[in-house]
Amino acid sequence: MACRQYVPKYQVRRRTASTFENAIGVPQATFTTAFLEAARNRKNIFDNILKVEEYKTAFDNLLPVTNAIKKTIEEMEREIIRLQRALRSILN
């Protein structure tokens, strides 16, 4: 028989309150109807729910940062190769 860990009542209340504060409710049958829509309508509905445009904007805004990081990595890799060659020539 497994022993249960004692949890004080105030912690149980706090956890329960937090659960309900952060829960998402969907009115009955309203969410399933979106699946019955035509593909274009479904896309519009779910893109709006999932905030797809916000993710696309974030991706577009971070693209220059990503490219700068890639460029820095390439420069560092070239510098590593140069230093390795210099070290080999010193050791030989």
Protein backbone atom coordinates (compact mmCIF):
# COMPACT_ATOMS: atom_id res chain seq x y z
CA MET A 1 0.00 0.00 0.00
CA ALA A 2 1.50 3.33 -1.07
CA CYS A 3 1.67 6.17 1.42
CA ARG A 4 0.16 9.45 0.37
CA GLN A 5 2.05 12.60 1.08
CA TYR A 6 0.19 14.98 3.36
CA VAL A 7 -0.69 18.27 1.67
CA PRO A 8 -1.97 21.09 3.88
CA LYS A 9 -5.47 22.34 3.05
CA TYR A 10 -4.28 25.85 2.18
CA GLN A 11 -2.00 24.39 -0.54
CA VAL A 12 -4.85 22.33 -1.95
CA ARG A 13 -7.07 25.44 -2.08
CA ARG A 14 -4.31 27.45 -3.75
CA ARG A 15 -3.70 24.75 -6.38
CA THR A 16 -7.41 24.40 -7.08
CA ALA A 17 -7.88 28.15 -7.41
CA SER A 18 -4.92 28.38 -9.77
CA THR A 19 -6.32 25.56 -11.90
CA PHE A 20 -9.62 27.35 -12.36
CA GLU A 21 -8.01 30.74 -12.92
CA ASN A 22 -5.97 29.34 -15.80
CA ALA A 23 -8.60 27.04 -17.33
CA ILE A 24 -9.98 27.67 -20.79
CA GLY A 25 -13.65 27.04 -21.31
CA VAL A 26 -15.30 26.42 -24.63
CA PRO A 27 -19.06 26.73 -24.96
CA GLN A 28 -20.56 23.35 -25.81
CA ALA A 29 -20.55 22.47 -29.54
CA THR A 30 -19.00 25.78 -30.62
CA PHE A 31 -15.47 24.45 -31.02
CA THR A 32 -16.41 21.28 -32.88
CA THR A 33 -18.34 23.20 -35.50
CA ALA A 34 -15.10 24.73 -36.78
CA PHE A 35 -13.97 21.27 -37.89
CA LEU A 36 -17.04 20.98 -40.11
CA GLU A 37 -16.21 24.15 -42.04
CA ALA A 38 -14.55 24.24 -45.46
CA ALA A 39 -10.74 24.16 -45.45
CA ARG A 40 -10.34 27.92 -46.05
CA ASN A 41 -12.79 28.77 -43.26
CA ARG A 42 -11.10 26.29 -40.89
CA LYS A 43 -7.75 27.88 -41.62
CA ASN A 44 -9.08 31.36 -40.83
CA ILE A 45 -10.73 30.14 -37.62
CA PHE A 46 -7.75 28.20 -36.31
CA ASP A 47 -5.16 30.76 -37.43
CA ASN A 48 -7.05 33.29 -35.35
CA ILE A 49 -7.34 30.98 -32.32
CA LEU A 50 -3.67 29.93 -32.49
CA LYS A 51 -2.46 33.45 -33.28
CA VAL A 52 -0.53 32.20 -36.32
CA GLU A 53 0.02 35.74 -37.60
CA GLU A 54 1.77 36.68 -34.35
CA TYR A 55 4.15 33.73 -34.72
CA LYS A 56 4.84 34.69 -38.33
CA THR A 57 5.57 38.28 -37.27
CA ALA A 58 7.89 37.08 -34.51
CA PHE A 59 9.68 34.79 -36.97
CA ASP A 60 10.07 37.59 -39.50
CA ASN A 61 11.34 39.98 -36.81
CA LEU A 62 13.88 37.45 -35.52
CA LEU A 63 15.19 36.47 -38.96
CA PRO A 64 17.90 39.18 -38.99
CA VAL A 65 19.04 38.03 -35.54
CA THR A 66 19.18 34.41 -36.72
CA ASN A 67 21.17 35.42 -39.80
CA ALA A 68 23.60 37.49 -37.71
CA ILE A 69 24.18 34.54 -35.36
CA LYS A 70 24.77 32.19 -38.32
CA LYS A 71 27.23 34.69 -39.83
CA THR A 72 29.10 34.96 -36.51
CA ILE A 73 29.30 31.18 -36.19
CA GLU A 74 30.69 30.89 -39.74
CA GLU A 75 33.30 33.56 -39.00
CA MET A 76 34.31 31.79 -35.80
CA GLU A 77 34.58 28.46 -37.59
CA ARG A 78 36.86 30.05 -40.20
CA GLU A 79 38.95 31.60 -37.41
CA ILE A 80 39.21 28.21 -35.67
CA ILE A 81 40.49 26.62 -38.88
CA ARG A 82 43.01 29.44 -39.34
CA LEU A 83 44.25 29.08 -35.75
CA GLN A 84 44.49 25.30 -36.04
CA ARG A 85 46.63 25.66 -39.16
CA ALA A 86 48.83 28.24 -37.42
CA LEU A 87 49.24 25.95 -34.43
CA ARG A 88 50.15 23.01 -36.67
CA SER A 89 52.79 25.07 -38.43
CA ILE A 90 54.26 26.12 -35.07
CA LEU A 91 54.34 22.55 -33.77
CA ASN A 92 55.93 21.11 -36.94
